[in-house]
Structures are given as structure tokens and as C-alpha cells.
Amino acid sequence: MVRKVMTLVLIGSSLAIAACNTVRGAAADVNSAANAVDNAT
């Protein structure tokens, strides 16, 4: 039982970390695009 719980915790935390990095990367892309538009005008 403990082994199953630990496996689920590890999988869940891995997914949470991956999602956080993805969202952070998307925010950096949007920020970069906004800066490019500002520089063009």
C-alpha cells in the first residue's frame, strides 16, 4: 500500500513540475512577442 501511494506521489509531483515549466515557458514566449511588438511601433 505504501509503495502504491509513493508511486502516485512521485508521478503527481513529476507532472506538476512539468506543467509549471511549460506554463513558465509559454509566459516567456508571450512576453517576448509583446516586447517585439513594442519595439516595432
PDB file of N, CA and C in Angstrom:
ATOM      1  N   MET A   1       0.828  -1.196   0.000  1.00  0.00           N
ATOM      2  CA  MET A   1       0.000   0.000   0.000  1.00  0.00           C
ATOM      3  C   MET A   1       0.870   1.258   0.000  1.00  0.00           C
ATOM      4  N   VAL A   2       1.890   1.256   0.829  1.00  0.00           N
ATOM      5  CA  VAL A   2       2.777   2.421   0.904  1.00  0.00           C
ATOM      6  C   VAL A   2       3.496   2.620  -0.430  1.00  0.00           C
ATOM      7  N   ARG A   3       3.848   1.518  -1.061  1.00  0.00           N
ATOM      8  CA  ARG A   3       4.552   1.597  -2.347  1.00  0.00           C
ATOM      9  C   ARG A   3       3.667   2.251  -3.415  1.00  0.00           C
ATOM     10  N   LYS A   4       2.376   1.906  -3.428  1.00  0.00           N
ATOM     11  CA  LYS A   4       1.445   2.500  -4.387  1.00  0.00           C
ATOM     12  C   LYS A   4       1.270   3.994  -4.141  1.00  0.00           C
ATOM     13  N   VAL A   5       1.169   4.366  -2.886  1.00  0.00           N
ATOM     14  CA  VAL A   5       1.000   5.781  -2.538  1.00  0.00           C
ATOM     15  C   VAL A   5       2.239   6.575  -2.941  1.00  0.00           C
ATOM     16  N   MET A   6       3.404   6.042  -2.663  1.00  0.00           N
ATOM     17  CA  MET A   6       4.648   6.741  -3.024  1.00  0.00           C
ATOM     18  C   MET A   6       4.783   6.867  -4.540  1.00  0.00           C
ATOM     19  N   THR A   7       4.377   5.836  -5.271  1.00  0.00           N
ATOM     20  CA  THR A   7       4.425   5.892  -6.731  1.00  0.00           C
ATOM     21  C   THR A   7       3.496   6.982  -7.248  1.00  0.00           C
ATOM     22  N   LEU A   8       2.291   7.051  -6.710  1.00  0.00           N
ATOM     23  CA  LEU A   8       1.349   8.084  -7.124  1.00  0.00           C
ATOM     24  C   LEU A   8       1.853   9.481  -6.781  1.00  0.00           C
ATOM     25  N   VAL A   9       2.470   9.634  -5.640  1.00  0.00           N
ATOM     26  CA  VAL A   9       3.023  10.932  -5.247  1.00  0.00           C
ATOM     27  C   VAL A   9       4.149  11.341  -6.190  1.00  0.00           C
ATOM     28  N   LEU A  10       5.026  10.424  -6.527  1.00  0.00           N
ATOM     29  CA  LEU A  10       6.123  10.731  -7.448  1.00  0.00           C
ATOM     30  C   LEU A  10       5.611  11.100  -8.837  1.00  0.00           C
ATOM     31  N   ILE A  11       4.644  10.347  -9.334  1.00  0.00           N
ATOM     32  CA  ILE A  11       4.086  10.647 -10.658  1.00  0.00           C
ATOM     33  C   ILE A  11       3.376  12.001 -10.631  1.00  0.00           C
ATOM     34  N   GLY A  12       2.603  12.248  -9.608  1.00  0.00           N
ATOM     35  CA  GLY A  12       1.884  13.522  -9.493  1.00  0.00           C
ATOM     36  C   GLY A  12       2.816  14.712  -9.394  1.00  0.00           C
ATOM     37  N   SER A  13       3.870  14.583  -8.606  1.00  0.00           N
ATOM     38  CA  SER A  13       4.802  15.694  -8.472  1.00  0.00           C
ATOM     39  C   SER A  13       5.589  15.918  -9.768  1.00  0.00           C
ATOM     40  N   SER A  14       5.902  14.856 -10.476  1.00  0.00           N
ATOM     41  CA  SER A  14       6.596  14.998 -11.759  1.00  0.00           C
ATOM     42  C   SER A  14       5.728  15.743 -12.765  1.00  0.00           C
ATOM     43  N   LEU A  15       4.450  15.396 -12.819  1.00  0.00           N
ATOM     44  CA  LEU A  15       3.533  16.086 -13.726  1.00  0.00           C
ATOM     45  C   LEU A  15       3.364  17.551 -13.340  1.00  0.00           C
ATOM     46  N   ALA A  16       3.302  17.829 -12.052  1.00  0.00           N
ATOM     47  CA  ALA A  16       3.145  19.211 -11.598  1.00  0.00           C
ATOM     48  C   ALA A  16       4.364  20.043 -11.967  1.00  0.00           C
ATOM     49  N   ILE A  17       5.543  19.474 -11.817  1.00  0.00           N
ATOM     50  CA  ILE A  17       6.770  20.201 -12.163  1.00  0.00           C
ATOM     51  C   ILE A  17       6.840  20.443 -13.660  1.00  0.00           C
ATOM     52  N   ALA A  18       6.476  19.446 -14.448  1.00  0.00           N
ATOM     53  CA  ALA A  18       6.490  19.593 -15.907  1.00  0.00           C
ATOM     54  C   ALA A  18       5.489  20.647 -16.351  1.00  0.00           C
ATOM     55  N   ALA A  19       4.315  20.666 -15.764  1.00  0.00           N
ATOM     56  CA  ALA A  19       3.294  21.654 -16.132  1.00  0.00           C
ATOM     57  C   ALA A  19       3.753  23.056 -15.750  1.00  0.00           C
ATOM     58  N   CYS A  20       4.394  23.190 -14.616  1.00  0.00           N
ATOM     59  CA  CYS A  20       4.867  24.501 -14.174  1.00  0.00           C
ATOM     60  C   CYS A  20       5.901  25.041 -15.160  1.00  0.00           C
ATOM     61  N   ASN A  21       6.826  24.202 -15.579  1.00  0.00           N
ATOM     62  CA  ASN A  21       7.842  24.647 -16.524  1.00  0.00           C
ATOM     63  C   ASN A  21       7.221  25.003 -17.867  1.00  0.00           C
ATOM     64  N   THR A  22       6.212  24.272 -18.287  1.00  0.00           N
ATOM     65  CA  THR A  22       5.551  24.562 -19.552  1.00  0.00           C
ATOM     66  C   THR A  22       4.851  25.908 -19.501  1.00  0.00           C
ATOM     67  N   VAL A  23       4.145  26.180 -18.421  1.00  0.00           N
ATOM     68  CA  VAL A  23       3.438  27.451 -18.271  1.00  0.00           C
ATOM     69  C   VAL A  23       4.439  28.599 -18.198  1.00  0.00           C
ATOM     70  N   ARG A  24       5.531  28.401 -17.496  1.00  0.00           N
ATOM     71  CA  ARG A  24       6.550  29.445 -17.394  1.00  0.00           C
ATOM     72  C   ARG A  24       7.160  29.727 -18.767  1.00  0.00           C
ATOM     73  N   GLY A  25       7.395  28.694 -19.550  1.00  0.00           N
ATOM     74  CA  GLY A  25       7.946  28.875 -20.894  1.00  0.00           C
ATOM     75  C   GLY A  25       6.974  29.593 -21.807  1.00  0.00           C
ATOM     76  N   ALA A  26       5.689  29.264 -21.691  1.00  0.00           N
ATOM     77  CA  ALA A  26       4.672  29.932 -22.508  1.00  0.00           C
ATOM     78  C   ALA A  26       4.584  31.406 -22.137  1.00  0.00           C
ATOM     79  N   ALA A  27       4.679  31.714 -20.865  1.00  0.00           N
ATOM     80  CA  ALA A  27       4.641  33.111 -20.429  1.00  0.00           C
ATOM     81  C   ALA A  27       5.853  33.875 -20.960  1.00  0.00           C
ATOM     82  N   ALA A  28       6.997  33.239 -20.992  1.00  0.00           N
ATOM     83  CA  ALA A  28       8.197  33.895 -21.530  1.00  0.00           C
ATOM     84  C   ALA A  28       8.042  34.151 -23.022  1.00  0.00           C
ATOM     85  N   ASP A  29       7.424  33.227 -23.754  1.00  0.00           N
ATOM     86  CA  ASP A  29       7.189  33.424 -25.188  1.00  0.00           C
ATOM     87  C   ASP A  29       6.248  34.594 -25.436  1.00  0.00           C
ATOM     88  N   VAL A  30       5.176  34.680 -24.666  1.00  0.00           N
ATOM     89  CA  VAL A  30       4.223  35.779 -24.823  1.00  0.00           C
ATOM     90  C   VAL A  30       4.897  37.105 -24.496  1.00  0.00           C
ATOM     91  N   ASN A  31       5.699  37.123 -23.466  1.00  0.00           N
ATOM     92  CA  ASN A  31       6.417  38.340 -23.087  1.00  0.00           C
ATOM     93  C   ASN A  31       7.380  38.759 -24.191  1.00  0.00           C
ATOM     94  N   SER A  32       8.055  37.812 -24.782  1.00  0.00           N
ATOM     95  CA  SER A  32       8.985  38.105 -25.869  1.00  0.00           C
ATOM     96  C   SER A  32       8.249  38.677 -27.073  1.00  0.00           C
ATOM     97  N   ALA A  33       7.114  38.114 -27.389  1.00  0.00           N
ATOM     98  CA  ALA A  33       6.321  38.619 -28.520  1.00  0.00           C
ATOM     99  C   ALA A  33       5.826  40.031 -28.234  1.00  0.00           C
ATOM    100  N   ALA A  34       5.412  40.293 -27.030  1.00  0.00           N
ATOM    101  CA  ALA A  34       4.945  41.632 -26.662  1.00  0.00           C
ATOM    102  C   ALA A  34       6.077  42.648 -26.768  1.00  0.00           C
ATOM    103  N   ASN A  35       7.263  42.266 -26.372  1.00  0.00           N
ATOM    104  CA  ASN A  35       8.408  43.169 -26.477  1.00  0.00           C
ATOM    105  C   ASN A  35       8.747  43.453 -27.937  1.00  0.00           C
ATOM    106  N   ALA A  36       8.632  42.456 -28.792  1.00  0.00           N
ATOM    107  CA  ALA A  36       8.915  42.640 -30.201  1.00  0.00           C
ATOM    108  C   ALA A  36       7.921  43.614 -30.840  1.00  0.00           C
ATOM    109  N   VAL A  37       6.656  43.502 -30.464  1.00  0.00           N
ATOM    110  CA  VAL A  37       5.635  44.411 -30.980  1.00  0.00           C
ATOM    111  C   VAL A  37       5.894  45.833 -30.494  1.00  0.00           C
ATOM    112  N   ASP A  38       6.252  45.978 -29.215  1.00  0.00           N
ATOM    113  CA  ASP A  38       6.553  47.302 -28.670  1.00  0.00           C
ATOM    114  C   ASP A  38       7.734  47.941 -29.386  1.00  0.00           C
ATOM    115  N   ASN A  39       8.750  47.171 -29.685  1.00  0.00           N
ATOM    116  CA  ASN A  39       9.939  47.698 -30.361  1.00  0.00           C
ATOM    117  C   ASN A  39       9.641  48.080 -31.807  1.00  0.00           C
ATOM    118  N   ALA A  40       8.679  47.408 -32.425  1.00  0.00           N
ATOM    119  CA  ALA A  40       8.344  47.672 -33.825  1.00  0.00           C
ATOM    120  C   ALA A  40       7.526  48.958 -33.992  1.00  0.00           C
ATOM    121  N   THR A  41       6.835  49.349 -32.947  1.00  0.00           N
ATOM    122  CA  THR A  41       5.965  50.542 -33.076  1.00  0.00           C
ATOM    123  C   THR A  41       6.623  51.799 -32.615  1.00  0.00           C
TER     124      THR A  41
END
